[in-house]
Amino acid sequence: MKRLLVALMVAFLSLSAMSTVSAHPHHHDDDDDDYKYSVRKELASSKKALKKYRDIEVALDEGFTGLVPGACVPKMGIHLVKPSRADDAKLDIRKPEILVYEPLKDGSYKLVAAEWYVPDEKTDKTPKLFNQKFQGPMKNHDGSKGKHYDLHAWLFKKNPDGMFTPENKLVSCKFAK
């Protein structure tokens, strides 16, 4: 009888220990508060650094280019590229390679997103920012040879499909010139 009681106690304690371990994982997953806080903090830092580009003239004065007729991509907007940043694999949450604008009815442009871009030949692994893997590799959108990885972040316009989803059904090219 004593042996049965001891065996039951050992089994009970073993199960208790296992449930404690599984209830308190030692790894970080997407539901972890620290993880969420870290990504929110990075996004806030990025947004703060990019606020000056709400004025498209500031972006143009700093070397972003691509404001040409017909350049509006449906469900994305107009992409302005900073060529000096688009040739390497260096990534900085405060310095995206591309700024995305939505043309407005009054002829102005609203900053809606930022995009980070890495040429495929400049990296041997999928880049990652904001704890998100970039999409790609994919063919270059401008028709040039080569492939790239990219990551959109809808920092200045809500995307109902998610912050990092490439297209945003709320963005229109209706007023593009």
N, C-alpha and C. Protein backbone atom coordinates (compact mmCIF):
# COMPACT_ATOMS: atom_id res chain seq x y z
N MET A 1 0.82 -1.19 0.00
CA MET A 1 0.00 0.00 0.00
C MET A 1 0.86 1.26 0.00
N LYS A 2 1.97 1.18 0.81
CA LYS A 2 2.87 2.31 0.86
C LYS A 2 3.48 2.60 -0.51
N ARG A 3 3.87 1.52 -1.21
CA ARG A 3 4.47 1.67 -2.54
C ARG A 3 3.49 2.33 -3.50
N LEU A 4 2.24 1.94 -3.45
CA LEU A 4 1.22 2.52 -4.33
C LEU A 4 1.06 4.00 -4.03
N LEU A 5 1.02 4.35 -2.75
CA LEU A 5 0.90 5.74 -2.35
C LEU A 5 2.11 6.56 -2.81
N VAL A 6 3.31 6.03 -2.66
CA VAL A 6 4.53 6.70 -3.11
C VAL A 6 4.51 6.87 -4.63
N ALA A 7 4.11 5.84 -5.35
CA ALA A 7 4.05 5.91 -6.82
C ALA A 7 3.06 6.97 -7.26
N LEU A 8 1.90 7.04 -6.60
CA LEU A 8 0.91 8.07 -6.95
C LEU A 8 1.45 9.47 -6.67
N MET A 9 2.16 9.65 -5.55
CA MET A 9 2.74 10.95 -5.21
C MET A 9 3.79 11.36 -6.24
N VAL A 10 4.64 10.41 -6.63
CA VAL A 10 5.66 10.69 -7.64
C VAL A 10 5.00 11.08 -8.96
N ALA A 11 3.98 10.33 -9.36
CA ALA A 11 3.27 10.63 -10.61
C ALA A 11 2.63 12.01 -10.53
N PHE A 12 1.99 12.31 -9.41
CA PHE A 12 1.35 13.61 -9.23
C PHE A 12 2.36 14.75 -9.30
N LEU A 13 3.47 14.59 -8.58
CA LEU A 13 4.50 15.62 -8.59
C LEU A 13 5.11 15.80 -9.98
N SER A 14 5.29 14.72 -10.70
CA SER A 14 5.83 14.79 -12.07
C SER A 14 4.88 15.56 -12.97
N LEU A 15 3.59 15.25 -12.88
CA LEU A 15 2.60 15.96 -13.69
C LEU A 15 2.54 17.43 -13.31
N SER A 16 2.62 17.73 -12.03
CA SER A 16 2.61 19.12 -11.57
C SER A 16 3.81 19.88 -12.12
N ALA A 17 4.96 19.25 -12.08
CA ALA A 17 6.17 19.90 -12.59
C ALA A 17 6.06 20.14 -14.09
N MET A 18 5.50 19.16 -14.83
CA MET A 18 5.37 19.32 -16.28
C MET A 18 4.39 20.44 -16.60
N SER A 19 3.29 20.55 -15.87
CA SER A 19 2.33 21.61 -16.16
C SER A 19 2.91 22.97 -15.82
N THR A 20 3.75 23.05 -14.80
CA THR A 20 4.40 24.30 -14.47
C THR A 20 5.34 24.73 -15.58
N VAL A 21 6.08 23.78 -16.12
CA VAL A 21 7.01 24.10 -17.22
C VAL A 21 6.25 24.57 -18.44
N SER A 22 5.18 23.87 -18.82
CA SER A 22 4.46 24.26 -20.02
C SER A 22 3.67 25.56 -19.81
N ALA A 23 3.31 25.88 -18.58
CA ALA A 23 2.58 27.11 -18.33
C ALA A 23 3.50 28.33 -18.33
N HIS A 24 4.79 28.11 -18.17
CA HIS A 24 5.74 29.21 -18.13
C HIS A 24 6.89 28.94 -19.10
N PRO A 25 6.63 29.09 -20.40
CA PRO A 25 7.69 28.79 -21.36
C PRO A 25 8.86 29.76 -21.22
N HIS A 26 10.03 29.29 -21.58
CA HIS A 26 11.24 30.11 -21.49
C HIS A 26 11.60 30.77 -22.81
N HIS A 27 10.82 30.53 -23.85
CA HIS A 27 11.07 31.17 -25.14
C HIS A 27 10.07 32.31 -25.33
N HIS A 28 10.35 33.19 -26.29
CA HIS A 28 9.46 34.30 -26.59
C HIS A 28 8.67 33.97 -27.84
N ASP A 29 7.35 34.07 -27.75
CA ASP A 29 6.54 33.86 -28.93
C ASP A 29 5.78 35.15 -29.23
N ASP A 30 4.95 35.12 -30.26
CA ASP A 30 4.26 36.32 -30.71
C ASP A 30 3.30 36.90 -29.68
N ASP A 31 2.90 36.11 -28.70
CA ASP A 31 1.97 36.60 -27.68
C ASP A 31 2.69 37.18 -26.47
N ASP A 32 3.98 37.16 -26.46
CA ASP A 32 4.78 37.63 -25.34
C ASP A 32 4.69 39.15 -25.24
N ASP A 33 4.37 39.67 -24.06
CA ASP A 33 4.24 41.11 -23.86
C ASP A 33 5.53 41.85 -24.16
N ASP A 34 6.69 41.28 -23.78
CA ASP A 34 7.97 41.93 -24.05
C ASP A 34 8.20 42.05 -25.55
N TYR A 35 7.88 40.99 -26.29
CA TYR A 35 8.02 41.00 -27.75
C TYR A 35 7.15 42.10 -28.35
N LYS A 36 5.87 42.14 -27.94
CA LYS A 36 4.95 43.14 -28.48
C LYS A 36 5.43 44.55 -28.14
N TYR A 37 5.89 44.73 -26.93
CA TYR A 37 6.39 46.04 -26.51
C TYR A 37 7.60 46.45 -27.36
N SER A 38 8.51 45.52 -27.60
CA SER A 38 9.70 45.80 -28.37
C SER A 38 9.36 46.23 -29.81
N VAL A 39 8.46 45.51 -30.45
CA VAL A 39 8.06 45.86 -31.82
C VAL A 39 7.34 47.20 -31.84
N ARG A 40 6.44 47.42 -30.88
CA ARG A 40 5.74 48.72 -30.81
C ARG A 40 6.73 49.86 -30.62
N LYS A 41 7.73 49.63 -29.80
CA LYS A 41 8.76 50.66 -29.54
C LYS A 41 9.55 50.95 -30.83
N GLU A 42 9.92 49.90 -31.57
CA GLU A 42 10.64 50.09 -32.84
C GLU A 42 9.77 50.84 -33.85
N LEU A 43 8.50 50.47 -33.94
CA LEU A 43 7.59 51.15 -34.87
C LEU A 43 7.42 52.62 -34.49
N ALA A 44 7.30 52.89 -33.21
CA ALA A 44 7.18 54.28 -32.76
C ALA A 44 8.44 55.08 -33.09
N SER A 45 9.59 54.47 -32.93
CA SER A 45 10.86 55.14 -33.25
C SER A 45 10.94 55.43 -34.75
N SER A 46 10.54 54.48 -35.55
CA SER A 46 10.55 54.65 -36.99
C SER A 46 9.59 55.77 -37.40
N LYS A 47 8.39 55.72 -36.88
CA LYS A 47 7.38 56.73 -37.21
C LYS A 47 7.84 58.13 -36.82
N LYS A 48 8.44 58.24 -35.66
CA LYS A 48 8.94 59.54 -35.19
C LYS A 48 10.01 60.09 -36.15
N ALA A 49 10.92 59.23 -36.58
CA ALA A 49 12.00 59.65 -37.48
C ALA A 49 11.48 60.04 -38.86
N LEU A 50 10.36 59.47 -39.26
CA LEU A 50 9.83 59.70 -40.61
C LEU A 50 8.79 60.81 -40.68
N LYS A 51 8.35 61.34 -39.56
CA LYS A 51 7.31 62.38 -39.55
C LYS A 51 7.66 63.57 -40.44
N LYS A 52 8.93 63.91 -40.52
CA LYS A 52 9.33 65.06 -41.33
C LYS A 52 8.97 64.86 -42.81
N TYR A 53 8.84 63.60 -43.24
CA TYR A 53 8.53 63.31 -44.64
C TYR A 53 7.04 63.42 -44.95
N ARG A 54 6.25 63.79 -43.97
CA ARG A 54 4.84 64.07 -44.26
C ARG A 54 4.76 65.18 -45.31
N ASP A 55 5.74 66.05 -45.28
CA ASP A 55 5.89 67.07 -46.33
C ASP A 55 6.73 66.44 -47.43
N ILE A 56 6.12 66.13 -48.54
CA ILE A 56 6.81 65.45 -49.63
C ILE A 56 8.00 66.25 -50.14
N GLU A 57 7.96 67.54 -50.01
CA GLU A 57 9.07 68.40 -50.46
C GLU A 57 10.35 68.09 -49.66
N VAL A 58 10.20 67.75 -48.39
CA VAL A 58 11.36 67.39 -47.57
C VAL A 58 12.00 66.11 -48.14
N ALA A 59 11.17 65.15 -48.49
CA ALA A 59 11.69 63.89 -49.07
C ALA A 59 12.41 64.17 -50.39
N LEU A 60 11.80 64.98 -51.24
CA LEU A 60 12.42 65.31 -52.54
C LEU A 60 13.73 66.07 -52.34
N ASP A 61 13.74 67.01 -51.40
CA ASP A 61 14.96 67.78 -51.11
C ASP A 61 16.08 66.88 -50.58
N GLU A 62 15.73 65.78 -49.92
CA GLU A 62 16.74 64.87 -49.35
C GLU A 62 17.14 63.75 -50.31
N GLY A 63 16.69 63.82 -51.55
CA GLY A 63 17.16 62.86 -52.54
C GLY A 63 16.24 61.71 -52.88
N PHE A 64 15.03 61.69 -52.35
CA PHE A 64 14.07 60.67 -52.76
C PHE A 64 13.55 61.05 -54.14
N THR A 65 13.43 60.08 -55.03
CA THR A 65 12.99 60.34 -56.40
C THR A 65 11.90 59.35 -56.81
N GLY A 66 11.25 59.67 -57.91
CA GLY A 66 10.26 58.75 -58.45
C GLY A 66 8.89 59.36 -58.61
N LEU A 67 8.77 60.65 -58.37
CA LEU A 67 7.48 61.32 -58.51
C LEU A 67 7.27 61.64 -59.99
N VAL A 68 6.78 60.63 -60.71
CA VAL A 68 6.57 60.79 -62.15
C VAL A 68 5.14 60.42 -62.50
N PRO A 69 4.60 61.00 -63.58
CA PRO A 69 3.22 60.67 -63.97
C PRO A 69 3.04 59.17 -64.17
N GLY A 70 1.93 58.66 -63.70
CA GLY A 70 1.62 57.24 -63.86
C GLY A 70 2.34 56.32 -62.89
N ALA A 71 3.00 56.89 -61.90
CA ALA A 71 3.80 56.07 -60.98
C ALA A 71 3.02 55.54 -59.78
N CYS A 72 1.73 55.79 -59.74
CA CYS A 72 0.94 55.33 -58.59
C CYS A 72 0.58 53.85 -58.75
N VAL A 73 0.93 53.06 -57.75
CA VAL A 73 0.64 51.62 -57.75
C VAL A 73 -0.67 51.41 -57.00
N PRO A 74 -1.67 50.83 -57.68
CA PRO A 74 -2.96 50.60 -56.99
C PRO A 74 -2.79 49.86 -55.67
N LYS A 75 -3.53 50.30 -54.67
CA LYS A 75 -3.52 49.75 -53.31
C LYS A 75 -2.17 49.89 -52.61
N MET A 76 -1.32 50.75 -53.14
CA MET A 76 -0.03 51.03 -52.50
C MET A 76 0.22 52.53 -52.48
N GLY A 77 0.28 53.13 -53.65
CA GLY A 77 0.56 54.55 -53.75
C GLY A 77 1.79 54.82 -54.59
N ILE A 78 2.32 56.02 -54.43
CA ILE A 78 3.50 56.45 -55.17
C ILE A 78 4.73 56.17 -54.33
N HIS A 79 5.67 55.46 -54.91
CA HIS A 79 6.90 55.07 -54.21
C HIS A 79 8.02 56.04 -54.57
N LEU A 80 8.59 56.68 -53.55
CA LEU A 80 9.77 57.51 -53.75
C LEU A 80 10.96 56.75 -53.19
N VAL A 81 11.98 56.57 -54.01
CA VAL A 81 13.15 55.78 -53.65
C VAL A 81 14.34 56.69 -53.37
N LYS A 82 15.11 56.34 -52.38
CA LYS A 82 16.37 57.03 -52.13
C LYS A 82 17.47 56.11 -52.66
N PRO A 83 17.97 56.39 -53.89
CA PRO A 83 18.92 55.48 -54.53
C PRO A 83 20.16 55.16 -53.69
N SER A 84 20.64 56.11 -52.93
CA SER A 84 21.85 55.86 -52.14
C SER A 84 21.64 54.82 -51.04
N ARG A 85 20.39 54.53 -50.71
CA ARG A 85 20.09 53.51 -49.69
C ARG A 85 19.70 52.17 -50.29
N ALA A 86 19.37 52.14 -51.57
CA ALA A 86 18.79 50.94 -52.18
C ALA A 86 19.81 49.98 -52.77
N ASP A 87 21.09 50.27 -52.65
CA ASP A 87 22.12 49.44 -53.29
C ASP A 87 22.80 48.45 -52.36
N ASP A 88 22.39 48.39 -51.10
CA ASP A 88 23.09 47.52 -50.17
C ASP A 88 22.11 46.78 -49.26
N ALA A 89 22.63 46.05 -48.32
CA ALA A 89 21.79 45.29 -47.39
C ALA A 89 21.70 45.96 -46.02
N LYS A 90 22.19 47.20 -45.91
CA LYS A 90 22.11 47.91 -44.63
C LYS A 90 20.66 48.28 -44.35
N LEU A 91 20.23 48.01 -43.14
CA LEU A 91 18.86 48.32 -42.75
C LEU A 91 18.86 49.16 -41.48
N ASP A 92 18.00 50.17 -41.47
CA ASP A 92 17.84 51.04 -40.32
C ASP A 92 16.36 51.37 -40.21
N ILE A 93 15.75 51.10 -39.08
CA ILE A 93 14.32 51.35 -38.93
C ILE A 93 13.96 52.82 -39.09
N ARG A 94 14.94 53.70 -38.95
CA ARG A 94 14.69 55.14 -39.08
C ARG A 94 15.01 55.67 -40.48
N LYS A 95 15.54 54.79 -41.36
CA LYS A 95 15.95 55.23 -42.70
C LYS A 95 15.55 54.20 -43.76
N PRO A 96 14.26 54.21 -44.13
CA PRO A 96 13.83 53.27 -45.17
C PRO A 96 14.37 53.68 -46.54
N GLU A 97 14.44 52.72 -47.42
CA GLU A 97 14.88 52.98 -48.79
C GLU A 97 13.78 53.65 -49.61
N ILE A 98 12.53 53.43 -49.22
CA ILE A 98 11.38 53.90 -50.00
C ILE A 98 10.33 54.51 -49.07
N LEU A 99 9.75 55.63 -49.52
CA LEU A 99 8.61 56.24 -48.85
C LEU A 99 7.41 56.10 -49.78
N VAL A 100 6.24 55.83 -49.23
CA VAL A 100 5.05 55.60 -50.04
C VAL A 100 4.01 56.69 -49.72
N TYR A 101 3.53 57.34 -50.78
CA TYR A 101 2.58 58.45 -50.65
C TYR A 101 1.28 58.14 -51.39
N GLU A 102 0.18 58.65 -50.84
CA GLU A 102 -1.11 58.56 -51.52
C GLU A 102 -1.44 59.93 -52.09
N PRO A 103 -1.76 60.01 -53.39
CA PRO A 103 -2.15 61.30 -53.97
C PRO A 103 -3.55 61.70 -53.48
N LEU A 104 -3.71 62.97 -53.12
CA LEU A 104 -4.99 63.44 -52.59
C LEU A 104 -5.70 64.34 -53.60
N LYS A 105 -6.98 64.56 -53.37
CA LYS A 105 -7.83 65.33 -54.28
C LYS A 105 -7.31 66.73 -54.53
N ASP A 106 -6.73 67.36 -53.50
CA ASP A 106 -6.26 68.75 -53.64
C ASP A 106 -4.88 68.84 -54.33
N GLY A 107 -4.36 67.72 -54.80
CA GLY A 107 -3.07 67.73 -55.50
C GLY A 107 -1.88 67.48 -54.59
N SER A 108 -2.12 67.37 -53.31
CA SER A 108 -1.02 67.09 -52.37
C SER A 108 -0.84 65.58 -52.23
N TYR A 109 0.12 65.22 -51.40
CA TYR A 109 0.44 63.81 -51.18
C TYR A 109 0.51 63.52 -49.69
N LYS A 110 -0.07 62.40 -49.30
CA LYS A 110 -0.05 62.00 -47.90
C LYS A 110 0.91 60.82 -47.73
N LEU A 111 1.87 60.96 -46.81
CA LEU A 111 2.75 59.85 -46.47
C LEU A 111 1.91 58.78 -45.79
N VAL A 112 1.96 57.55 -46.34
CA VAL A 112 1.15 56.47 -45.78
C VAL A 112 1.97 55.30 -45.26
N ALA A 113 3.16 55.08 -45.87
CA ALA A 113 3.94 53.91 -45.49
C ALA A 113 5.42 54.13 -45.77
N ALA A 114 6.20 53.22 -45.24
CA ALA A 114 7.63 53.16 -45.54
C ALA A 114 7.91 51.73 -46.03
N GLU A 115 8.95 51.62 -46.84
CA GLU A 115 9.31 50.30 -47.35
C GLU A 115 10.82 50.15 -47.27
N TRP A 116 11.23 49.01 -46.74
CA TRP A 116 12.64 48.67 -46.67
C TRP A 116 12.93 47.68 -47.78
N TYR A 117 14.06 47.84 -48.43
CA TYR A 117 14.38 47.12 -49.67
C TYR A 117 15.82 46.61 -49.62
N VAL A 118 16.01 45.34 -49.99
CA VAL A 118 17.36 44.77 -50.05
C VAL A 118 17.50 43.98 -51.35
N PRO A 119 18.49 44.31 -52.19
CA PRO A 119 18.72 43.52 -53.40
C PRO A 119 19.10 42.08 -53.02
N ASP A 120 18.56 41.13 -53.74
CA ASP A 120 18.80 39.72 -53.46
C ASP A 120 20.28 39.38 -53.47
N GLU A 121 21.03 39.97 -54.40
CA GLU A 121 22.45 39.63 -54.52
C GLU A 121 23.30 40.21 -53.38
N LYS A 122 22.71 41.05 -52.53
CA LYS A 122 23.46 41.66 -51.43
C LYS A 122 23.29 40.92 -50.10
N THR A 123 22.51 39.84 -50.11
CA THR A 123 22.30 39.10 -48.86
C THR A 123 22.21 37.60 -49.14
N ASP A 124 22.57 36.82 -48.14
CA ASP A 124 22.48 35.37 -48.29
C ASP A 124 21.33 34.78 -47.46
N LYS A 125 20.55 35.66 -46.83
CA LYS A 125 19.39 35.19 -46.06
C LYS A 125 18.28 36.24 -46.12
N THR A 126 17.08 35.81 -45.81
CA THR A 126 15.94 36.72 -45.83
C THR A 126 16.11 37.78 -44.74
N PRO A 127 16.10 39.06 -45.14
CA PRO A 127 16.24 40.13 -44.14
C PRO A 127 15.03 40.16 -43.19
N LYS A 128 15.23 40.82 -42.06
CA LYS A 128 14.20 40.90 -41.03
C LYS A 128 14.28 42.25 -40.32
N LEU A 129 13.14 42.90 -40.14
CA LEU A 129 13.01 44.12 -39.33
C LEU A 129 11.69 44.01 -38.56
N PHE A 130 11.59 44.66 -37.44
CA PHE A 130 10.38 44.65 -36.63
C PHE A 130 9.94 43.20 -36.34
N ASN A 131 10.90 42.31 -36.26
CA ASN A 131 10.66 40.88 -36.07
C ASN A 131 9.79 40.29 -37.18
N GLN A 132 9.86 40.88 -38.37
CA GLN A 132 9.13 40.42 -39.54
C GLN A 132 10.11 40.05 -40.64
N LYS A 133 9.91 38.89 -41.24
CA LYS A 133 10.71 38.52 -42.40
C LYS A 133 10.22 39.31 -43.61
N PHE A 134 11.17 39.74 -44.44
CA PHE A 134 10.83 40.44 -45.66
C PHE A 134 10.16 39.48 -46.64
N GLN A 135 9.40 40.02 -47.58
CA GLN A 135 8.86 39.20 -48.67
C GLN A 135 9.93 39.07 -49.73
N GLY A 136 9.94 37.93 -50.40
CA GLY A 136 10.90 37.74 -51.47
C GLY A 136 11.73 36.50 -51.27
N PRO A 137 12.70 36.32 -52.15
CA PRO A 137 13.06 37.25 -53.21
C PRO A 137 12.02 37.26 -54.33
N MET A 138 11.85 38.44 -54.92
CA MET A 138 10.90 38.63 -56.02
C MET A 138 11.56 39.45 -57.11
N LYS A 139 11.02 39.34 -58.32
CA LYS A 139 11.55 40.11 -59.44
C LYS A 139 11.39 41.60 -59.15
N ASN A 140 12.34 42.39 -59.63
CA ASN A 140 12.25 43.84 -59.45
C ASN A 140 11.00 44.36 -60.16
N HIS A 141 10.29 45.25 -59.50
CA HIS A 141 9.02 45.75 -60.02
C HIS A 141 9.19 46.70 -61.21
N ASP A 142 10.36 47.29 -61.33
CA ASP A 142 10.56 48.26 -62.42
C ASP A 142 11.00 47.60 -63.73
N GLY A 143 11.05 46.28 -63.74
CA GLY A 143 11.43 45.57 -64.95
C GLY A 143 12.92 45.35 -65.11
N SER A 144 13.72 45.91 -64.22
CA SER A 144 15.17 45.72 -64.31
C SER A 144 15.54 44.30 -63.91
N LYS A 145 16.73 43.86 -64.34
CA LYS A 145 17.18 42.51 -63.99
C LYS A 145 17.41 42.42 -62.49
N GLY A 146 17.27 41.21 -61.99
CA GLY A 146 17.55 40.98 -60.58
C GLY A 146 16.29 40.78 -59.76
N LYS A 147 16.54 40.47 -58.49
CA LYS A 147 15.46 40.25 -57.53
C LYS A 147 15.75 41.04 -56.27
N HIS A 148 14.75 41.14 -55.42
CA HIS A 148 14.92 41.87 -54.16
C HIS A 148 13.98 41.31 -53.10
N TYR A 149 14.21 41.76 -51.88
CA TYR A 149 13.33 41.52 -50.75
C TYR A 149 12.77 42.88 -50.34
N ASP A 150 11.53 42.90 -49.84
CA ASP A 150 11.02 44.17 -49.31
C ASP A 150 10.05 43.94 -48.16
N LEU A 151 9.87 44.99 -47.38
CA LEU A 151 8.95 44.97 -46.24
C LEU A 151 8.27 46.33 -46.16
N HIS A 152 6.94 46.33 -46.22
CA HIS A 152 6.15 47.55 -46.06
C HIS A 152 5.72 47.68 -44.60
N ALA A 153 5.64 48.91 -44.13
CA ALA A 153 5.06 49.19 -42.81
C ALA A 153 4.13 50.39 -42.98
N TRP A 154 2.86 50.17 -42.74
CA TRP A 154 1.85 51.22 -42.90
C TRP A 154 1.80 52.06 -41.62
N LEU A 155 2.79 52.90 -41.49
CA LEU A 155 2.97 53.70 -40.27
C LEU A 155 2.02 54.89 -40.20
N PHE A 156 1.56 55.39 -41.35
CA PHE A 156 0.79 56.63 -41.35
C PHE A 156 -0.62 56.47 -41.91
N LYS A 157 -1.01 55.26 -42.24
CA LYS A 157 -2.39 54.98 -42.65
C LYS A 157 -2.71 53.55 -42.24
N LYS A 158 -3.80 53.38 -41.53
CA LYS A 158 -4.19 52.05 -41.06
C LYS A 158 -4.39 51.13 -42.26
N ASN A 159 -3.90 49.92 -42.12
CA ASN A 159 -4.14 48.88 -43.11
C ASN A 159 -4.99 47.81 -42.43
N PRO A 160 -6.25 47.65 -42.86
CA PRO A 160 -7.12 46.67 -42.21
C PRO A 160 -6.60 45.24 -42.30
N ASP A 161 -5.69 44.98 -43.24
CA ASP A 161 -5.14 43.63 -43.40
C ASP A 161 -3.84 43.43 -42.64
N GLY A 162 -3.38 44.46 -41.93
CA GLY A 162 -2.19 44.32 -41.10
C GLY A 162 -1.10 45.32 -41.44
N MET A 163 -0.37 45.71 -40.44
CA MET A 163 0.70 46.69 -40.56
C MET A 163 1.71 46.36 -41.65
N PHE A 164 2.05 45.08 -41.82
CA PHE A 164 3.12 44.70 -42.74
C PHE A 164 2.62 44.06 -44.04
N THR A 165 1.33 44.10 -44.29
CA THR A 165 0.77 43.57 -45.54
C THR A 165 1.14 44.54 -46.66
N PRO A 166 1.69 44.04 -47.79
CA PRO A 166 2.17 44.94 -48.84
C PRO A 166 1.10 45.88 -49.42
N GLU A 167 -0.10 45.37 -49.67
CA GLU A 167 -1.14 46.21 -50.25
C GLU A 167 -2.10 46.69 -49.17
N ASN A 168 -2.68 47.87 -49.41
CA ASN A 168 -3.64 48.45 -48.49
C ASN A 168 -4.86 48.88 -49.29
N LYS A 169 -5.96 48.19 -49.09
CA LYS A 169 -7.16 48.47 -49.88
C LYS A 169 -7.76 49.85 -49.60
N LEU A 170 -7.27 50.56 -48.59
CA LEU A 170 -7.74 51.90 -48.30
C LEU A 170 -6.96 52.98 -49.06
N VAL A 171 -5.90 52.59 -49.77
CA VAL A 171 -5.08 53.54 -50.53
C VAL A 171 -5.59 53.59 -51.97
N SER A 172 -5.77 54.81 -52.46
CA SER A 172 -6.30 54.99 -53.81
C SER A 172 -5.33 55.79 -54.70
N CYS A 173 -5.38 55.47 -55.97
CA CYS A 173 -4.61 56.23 -56.98
C CYS A 173 -5.56 57.14 -57.77
N LYS A 174 -6.77 57.29 -57.30
CA LYS A 174 -7.81 58.06 -58.00
C LYS A 174 -7.35 59.47 -58.37
N PHE A 175 -6.56 60.09 -57.51
CA PHE A 175 -6.15 61.47 -57.76
C PHE A 175 -4.71 61.62 -58.24
N ALA A 176 -4.14 60.53 -58.72
CA ALA A 176 -2.77 60.58 -59.26
C ALA A 176 -2.75 61.41 -60.54
N LYS A 177 -1.69 62.18 -60.70
CA LYS A 177 -1.56 63.02 -61.89
C LYS A 177 -0.81 62.28 -62.96
